[in-house]
Protein backbone atom coordinates (compact mmCIF):
# COMPACT_ATOMS: atom_id res chain seq x y z
CA MET A 1 -21.56 -24.85 -26.86
CA THR A 2 -21.92 -22.66 -23.77
CA VAL A 3 -24.35 -24.09 -21.22
CA THR A 4 -26.98 -21.51 -20.22
CA ILE A 5 -29.40 -21.15 -17.36
CA TYR A 6 -32.14 -22.17 -19.80
CA ASP A 7 -30.37 -25.51 -20.40
CA VAL A 8 -30.14 -26.17 -16.65
CA ALA A 9 -33.82 -25.31 -16.15
CA ARG A 10 -34.87 -27.67 -18.93
CA GLU A 11 -32.61 -30.47 -17.63
CA ALA A 12 -33.94 -30.11 -14.07
CA GLY A 13 -37.55 -29.59 -15.14
CA VAL A 14 -37.87 -26.27 -13.32
CA SER A 15 -38.18 -22.62 -14.28
CA MET A 16 -35.18 -20.35 -14.98
CA ALA A 17 -36.26 -18.29 -11.96
CA THR A 18 -35.87 -21.36 -9.74
CA VAL A 19 -32.38 -22.04 -11.11
CA SER A 20 -31.48 -18.42 -10.45
CA ARG A 21 -32.69 -18.68 -6.84
CA VAL A 22 -30.59 -21.82 -6.31
CA VAL A 23 -27.47 -20.28 -7.83
CA ASN A 24 -27.88 -17.18 -5.67
CA ASN A 25 -28.48 -19.23 -2.49
CA ASN A 26 -32.02 -17.98 -2.04
CA PRO A 27 -33.52 -19.93 0.92
CA ASN A 28 -37.00 -20.03 -0.66
CA VAL A 29 -36.35 -23.24 -2.59
CA LYS A 30 -37.43 -26.71 -1.45
CA PRO A 31 -34.51 -29.05 -0.64
CA GLN A 32 -35.65 -31.62 -3.20
CA THR A 33 -35.86 -28.97 -5.94
CA ARG A 34 -32.47 -27.55 -4.94
CA LYS A 35 -30.97 -31.05 -5.20
CA LYS A 36 -32.40 -31.52 -8.72
CA VAL A 37 -30.96 -28.18 -9.87
CA TYR A 38 -27.50 -28.94 -8.42
CA GLU A 39 -27.49 -32.35 -10.12
CA ALA A 40 -28.40 -30.72 -13.45
CA ILE A 41 -25.66 -28.11 -13.01
CA GLU A 42 -23.11 -30.86 -12.32
CA ARG A 43 -24.20 -33.00 -15.29
CA LEU A 44 -24.09 -30.08 -17.73
CA GLY A 45 -20.98 -28.40 -16.30
CA TYR A 46 -22.83 -25.10 -15.95
CA ARG A 47 -20.98 -22.03 -14.70
CA PRO A 48 -23.06 -19.01 -13.74
CA ASN A 49 -22.29 -15.90 -15.78
CA ALA A 50 -20.80 -13.45 -13.27
CA VAL A 51 -21.38 -10.49 -15.56
CA ALA A 52 -25.04 -11.31 -16.07
CA ARG A 53 -25.51 -11.87 -12.33
CA GLY A 54 -23.84 -8.54 -11.67
CA LEU A 55 -26.17 -6.77 -14.08
CA ALA A 56 -29.19 -8.31 -12.41
CA SER A 57 -28.09 -7.60 -8.83
CA LYS A 58 -26.15 -4.40 -9.61
CA LYS A 59 -23.26 -6.01 -7.71
CA THR A 60 -20.20 -7.64 -9.23
CA THR A 61 -18.48 -8.72 -5.97
CA THR A 62 -15.25 -7.33 -7.42
CA VAL A 63 -12.94 -4.69 -5.99
CA GLY A 64 -10.46 -2.74 -8.09
CA VAL A 65 -7.00 -2.19 -6.60
CA VAL A 66 -4.58 0.34 -8.11
CA ILE A 67 -0.99 -0.47 -7.14
CA PRO A 68 1.72 2.08 -8.04
CA ASP A 69 4.63 -0.33 -8.48
CA ILE A 70 4.11 -4.09 -8.38
CA SER A 71 7.87 -4.70 -8.16
CA ASN A 72 8.01 -2.89 -4.80
CA SER A 73 7.81 -5.43 -1.96
CA ILE A 74 5.93 -2.95 0.26
CA PHE A 75 2.95 -2.95 -2.07
CA ALA A 76 3.11 -6.71 -2.54
CA GLU A 77 2.71 -7.21 1.22
CA ILE A 78 -0.09 -4.63 1.40
CA ALA A 79 -1.85 -6.41 -1.48
CA ARG A 80 -1.65 -9.69 0.45
CA GLY A 81 -3.55 -8.10 3.33
CA ILE A 82 -6.13 -6.73 0.90
CA GLU A 83 -6.69 -10.09 -0.76
CA ASP A 84 -6.99 -12.07 2.49
CA ILE A 85 -9.79 -9.82 3.77
CA ALA A 86 -11.43 -9.68 0.34
CA ASN A 87 -11.57 -13.49 0.29
CA MET A 88 -13.00 -13.53 3.80
CA TYR A 89 -15.89 -11.33 2.63
CA HIS A 90 -16.27 -13.10 -0.74
CA TYR A 91 -14.95 -10.35 -2.98
CA ASN A 92 -12.68 -10.86 -5.97
CA ILE A 93 -9.74 -8.54 -6.63
CA ILE A 94 -8.78 -6.90 -9.93
CA LEU A 95 -5.20 -5.74 -9.35
CA CYS A 96 -3.78 -3.12 -11.73
CA ASN A 97 -0.17 -1.94 -11.78
CA ALA A 98 0.35 1.73 -12.73
CA ASP A 99 4.19 1.84 -12.97
CA LYS A 100 4.22 5.00 -10.79
CA ARG A 101 2.85 7.03 -13.72
CA LYS A 102 0.04 9.43 -12.97
CA GLU A 103 -1.55 9.22 -16.41
CA LYS A 104 -1.65 5.42 -16.18
CA GLU A 105 -3.15 5.60 -12.67
CA ILE A 106 -5.96 7.83 -13.97
CA ARG A 107 -6.57 5.52 -16.92
CA VAL A 108 -6.65 2.45 -14.67
CA ILE A 109 -9.08 4.11 -12.24
CA ASN A 110 -11.45 4.95 -15.10
CA THR A 111 -11.16 1.43 -16.56
CA LEU A 112 -11.97 -0.22 -13.22
CA LEU A 113 -14.99 2.04 -12.71
CA GLU A 114 -16.19 1.21 -16.23
CA LYS A 115 -15.97 -2.48 -15.30
CA GLN A 116 -18.55 -1.80 -12.57
CA VAL A 117 -16.39 -2.75 -9.58
CA ASP A 118 -18.22 -2.52 -6.27
CA GLY A 119 -15.40 -0.54 -4.67
CA LEU A 120 -11.95 0.87 -5.35
CA LEU A 121 -8.72 0.82 -3.35
CA PHE A 122 -6.06 3.31 -4.42
CA MET A 123 -2.73 2.32 -2.98
CA GLY A 124 0.33 4.33 -2.06
CA GLY A 125 0.59 7.01 -4.75
CA THR A 126 0.33 10.77 -4.67
CA VAL A 127 -3.31 11.88 -4.80
CA THR A 128 -3.48 14.84 -7.19
CA ASP A 129 -6.37 17.01 -8.40
CA GLU A 130 -6.60 14.76 -11.46
CA HIS A 131 -7.06 11.72 -9.21
CA ILE A 132 -9.77 13.53 -7.26
CA GLN A 133 -11.58 14.35 -10.52
CA ALA A 134 -11.49 10.68 -11.52
CA PHE A 135 -12.74 9.62 -8.08
CA GLN A 136 -15.61 12.10 -8.28
CA THR A 137 -17.04 10.30 -11.32
CA SER A 138 -17.52 7.20 -9.18
CA ALA A 139 -20.73 6.14 -7.49
CA VAL A 140 -18.92 3.37 -5.57
CA PRO A 141 -16.89 3.70 -2.35
CA ILE A 142 -13.19 4.56 -2.60
CA VAL A 143 -10.55 3.97 0.09
CA LEU A 144 -6.98 5.26 -0.02
CA CYS A 145 -4.39 2.80 1.30
CA ALA A 146 -0.88 3.80 2.46
CA THR A 147 -1.61 7.33 1.27
CA SER A 148 -4.18 10.09 1.78
CA ASP A 149 -5.50 13.18 0.06
CA GLU A 150 -4.53 16.61 1.42
CA LYS A 151 -8.11 17.69 2.21
CA GLY A 152 -9.07 14.42 3.86
CA SER A 153 -12.06 14.01 1.56
CA TYR A 154 -11.69 10.24 1.14
CA PRO A 155 -11.48 7.41 3.67
CA SER A 156 -7.90 6.29 4.16
CA VAL A 157 -5.66 3.90 6.08
CA ASP A 158 -2.05 4.95 6.61
CA ILE A 159 0.67 5.55 9.18
CA ASP A 160 1.80 8.93 10.51
CA HIS A 161 4.74 9.38 8.13
CA GLU A 162 5.94 12.57 9.79
CA GLN A 163 6.03 10.96 13.23
CA ALA A 164 7.72 7.82 11.83
CA ALA A 165 10.50 10.00 10.38
CA PHE A 166 10.72 12.00 13.61
CA ASP A 167 11.17 8.77 15.59
CA ALA A 168 13.83 7.50 13.18
CA VAL A 169 15.91 10.69 13.40
CA ASN A 170 15.40 10.84 17.15
CA THR A 171 16.92 7.36 17.39
CA LEU A 172 20.08 8.73 15.76
CA ILE A 173 20.06 11.76 18.07
CA ARG A 174 19.76 9.51 21.14
CA HIS A 175 22.88 7.73 19.90
CA GLY A 176 24.76 11.02 20.03
CA HIS A 177 24.60 12.02 16.36
CA ARG A 178 24.35 15.71 15.45
CA GLU A 179 25.50 15.72 11.82
CA ILE A 180 22.55 13.85 10.34
CA ALA A 181 21.92 13.75 6.59
CA MET A 182 18.69 12.74 4.88
CA ILE A 183 18.00 10.90 1.65
CA SER A 184 14.46 12.08 1.02
CA GLY A 185 11.71 11.02 -1.33
CA THR A 186 10.13 13.55 -3.65
CA LEU A 187 8.80 16.59 -1.82
CA GLN A 188 5.92 16.74 -4.32
CA ASP A 189 4.42 13.73 -2.52
CA PRO A 190 2.65 15.35 0.47
CA ALA A 191 1.40 12.13 2.06
CA ASN A 192 4.79 10.42 2.16
CA GLY A 193 7.88 12.20 0.83
CA TYR A 194 7.16 15.67 2.19
CA ALA A 195 5.76 14.31 5.47
CA ARG A 196 8.93 12.31 6.18
CA PHE A 197 11.07 15.32 5.27
CA GLN A 198 9.10 17.43 7.75
CA GLY A 199 9.60 14.76 10.42
CA TYR A 200 13.37 14.94 9.82
CA LYS A 201 13.42 18.72 10.16
CA LYS A 202 11.23 18.73 13.27
CA ALA A 203 13.41 16.12 15.00
CA LEU A 204 16.49 18.28 14.36
CA GLU A 205 14.69 21.37 15.61
CA ALA A 206 13.47 19.61 18.77
CA ALA A 207 17.07 18.64 19.56
CA GLY A 208 18.44 22.13 18.86
CA ILE A 209 20.30 20.95 15.74
CA GLU A 210 20.54 23.42 12.88
CA TYR A 211 19.01 22.27 9.59
CA GLN A 212 21.60 22.20 6.79
CA GLU A 213 20.30 22.16 3.23
CA ASP A 214 23.48 20.53 1.91
CA LEU A 215 22.77 17.48 4.10
CA VAL A 216 19.58 16.64 2.18
CA ARG A 217 19.44 14.85 -1.17
CA ILE A 218 16.21 14.02 -3.01
CA GLY A 219 15.83 10.46 -4.23
CA ASN A 220 13.03 8.49 -5.88
CA TYR A 221 12.52 5.90 -3.10
CA ARG A 222 14.58 3.28 -4.96
CA TYR A 223 17.96 1.62 -4.38
CA GLU A 224 19.88 3.47 -7.10
CA SER A 225 19.00 6.90 -5.75
CA GLY A 226 20.31 5.83 -2.35
CA VAL A 227 23.62 4.88 -3.93
CA GLU A 228 23.93 8.23 -5.72
CA ALA A 229 22.91 10.32 -2.71
CA MET A 230 25.46 8.59 -0.49
CA LYS A 231 28.20 9.23 -3.05
CA TYR A 232 27.41 12.93 -2.68
CA PHE A 233 27.63 12.80 1.13
CA LEU A 234 30.93 10.90 0.95
CA GLY A 235 32.31 13.72 -1.21
CA LEU A 236 31.57 16.42 1.35
CA LYS A 237 34.51 17.98 3.18
CA LYS A 238 32.61 17.66 6.47
CA LYS A 239 30.79 14.35 6.25
CA PRO A 240 27.70 13.47 8.26
CA THR A 241 28.02 10.78 10.92
CA ALA A 242 24.54 9.38 10.30
CA ILE A 243 22.02 9.13 7.47
CA PHE A 244 18.26 8.91 7.63
CA ALA A 245 16.85 7.43 4.42
CA ALA A 246 13.15 7.84 3.72
CA THR A 247 12.88 4.22 2.54
CA ASP A 248 14.70 0.97 3.22
CA GLU A 249 15.61 0.59 -0.46
CA MET A 250 17.45 3.91 -0.47
CA ALA A 251 19.09 3.01 2.87
CA ILE A 252 20.39 -0.27 1.44
CA GLY A 253 21.75 1.64 -1.56
CA ALA A 254 23.52 4.01 0.85
CA ILE A 255 25.01 1.09 2.81
CA HIS A 256 26.44 -0.44 -0.37
CA SER A 257 27.83 2.90 -1.48
CA ILE A 258 29.57 3.29 1.89
CA GLN A 259 31.00 -0.22 1.71
CA ASP A 260 32.17 0.28 -1.89
CA GLU A 261 34.31 3.20 -0.71
CA GLY A 262 35.93 1.15 2.05
CA TYR A 263 33.93 2.57 4.95
CA LYS A 264 31.91 0.56 7.46
CA VAL A 265 28.37 0.72 8.82
CA PRO A 266 27.88 1.55 11.65
CA ASP A 267 31.56 2.20 12.57
CA ASP A 268 31.90 5.16 10.19
CA PHE A 269 28.27 5.96 9.38
CA SER A 270 25.03 5.01 11.09
CA ILE A 271 22.01 4.37 8.87
CA ILE A 272 18.29 4.28 9.71
CA SER A 273 15.20 4.30 7.49
CA VAL A 274 11.45 3.63 7.33
CA ASP A 275 9.44 0.65 6.02
CA ASN A 276 10.93 -2.67 7.25
CA ILE A 277 10.87 -4.56 3.97
CA ARG A 278 12.17 -8.16 4.04
CA MET A 279 15.57 -7.08 2.71
CA ALA A 280 16.11 -4.90 5.80
CA SER A 281 16.90 -7.99 7.87
CA MET A 282 18.89 -9.66 5.06
CA VAL A 283 21.37 -6.87 4.29
CA ARG A 284 24.61 -6.77 6.30
CA PRO A 285 24.67 -5.10 8.70
CA GLN A 286 20.99 -5.64 9.34
CA LEU A 287 19.12 -2.37 8.90
CA THR A 288 17.60 -0.45 11.80
CA THR A 289 14.27 0.86 10.56
CA VAL A 290 10.84 2.15 11.53
CA ALA A 291 8.39 -0.54 10.52
CA GLN A 292 5.15 0.09 8.68
CA PRO A 293 2.50 -2.57 9.42
CA MET A 294 2.24 -3.34 5.70
CA TYR A 295 -0.05 -6.36 5.84
CA ASP A 296 -2.34 -4.57 8.30
CA LEU A 297 -2.52 -1.48 6.08
CA GLY A 298 -4.01 -3.64 3.33
CA ALA A 299 -6.23 -5.69 5.62
CA VAL A 300 -7.70 -2.70 7.46
CA ALA A 301 -8.21 -0.76 4.21
CA MET A 302 -10.11 -3.68 2.67
CA ARG A 303 -12.23 -4.12 5.81
CA LEU A 304 -13.06 -0.41 5.74
CA LEU A 305 -14.06 -0.73 2.10
CA THR A 306 -16.32 -3.72 2.81
CA LYS A 307 -18.13 -1.65 5.46
CA LEU A 308 -18.64 1.19 3.00
CA MET A 309 -19.83 -1.16 0.25
CA LYS A 310 -22.33 -2.76 2.64
CA LYS A 311 -23.35 0.70 3.91
CA GLU A 312 -22.37 -0.18 7.47
CA ASN A 313 -21.61 2.47 10.05
CA VAL A 314 -17.99 3.71 9.96
CA GLU A 315 -16.95 5.66 13.05
CA ASN A 316 -13.51 6.71 11.80
CA PRO A 317 -12.96 6.90 8.03
CA ARG A 318 -9.34 8.07 8.41
CA VAL A 319 -7.37 5.35 10.17
CA ILE A 320 -3.78 5.84 11.36
CA LEU A 321 -2.00 2.59 12.26
CA PRO A 322 0.93 2.48 14.70
CA HIS A 323 4.55 2.15 13.57
CA GLU A 324 7.44 0.57 15.46
CA THR A 325 11.19 1.18 15.59
CA ILE A 326 13.12 -2.03 14.92
CA LEU A 327 16.64 -1.75 16.36
CA ARG A 328 19.14 -3.86 14.44
CA LEU A 329 22.83 -3.36 13.67
CA SER A 330 23.18 -0.31 11.39
CA VAL A 331 23.11 2.32 14.16
CA SER A 332 25.74 2.84 16.87
CA HIS A 333 26.74 5.64 19.23
CA VAL A 334 28.69 8.38 17.52
CA ASN A 335 31.79 7.93 19.69
CA GLU A 336 31.99 4.14 19.41
């Protein structure tokens, strides 16, 4: 039989209201009475009903987190930052994987809101009009993490993806490269894919290098698309000397494609990318990349959400965190 608050009250010889005050750490309970209630709880093995408490207080101390692809190590590290700060502020996390499918993301958002979460973190996907419509049904705070909406209507924590791409390409240019190809993410993703593509183009323009459409291939951020894109570049009559990949996964795919054809990195092709996943330092040669502060993205986003949930003052609802170029072994000077 489930032990109820009524059973605890009867066992301790107090009212149900007194038990409720003890469970909710209300200071207006005498120490002796509090001790009697705790002893009764321990004897009976009582566990407070979180749902019932949530209904009474209109707070569930839960936060819904929508993650686009749980197999992607970037989002796993961001989620770690989210959970650490959530624990610090005594919130529980409901983590939902959406498999990078918009219809599933919308369904998950609606499900989490129906479960009366106190706040929602939407992580790293493209924010479409359909997402905005789902968000607008919510009465709880929403923070976008590692993404943003085009109009800037919702609080967000991200990096400057365009500048990160610009810095990556500029690293290649400083090493003497002029024939620079790009393995891009989808251009329908304005917060990430298109922004990094724009950074690539602007870096070329700033250096007086003509943009060549045949030196850009569109991937899907994953390893396999990096392999296929690099096969295309290797088949060109005039091959690029360097490749900027929009993600580390695609860069690693490109490296393996180069090596499979008997070429070497960086002797024959230099490679640089963005993210700095763990595999970037494990692949050979180690990958030069522009690092996202992944843990911090999650931690800062969760802290921002706690402020909104507690109705604290938020000076800047759109936070841009710094990125950093990590020089390893996949880039060399063009004449070396």
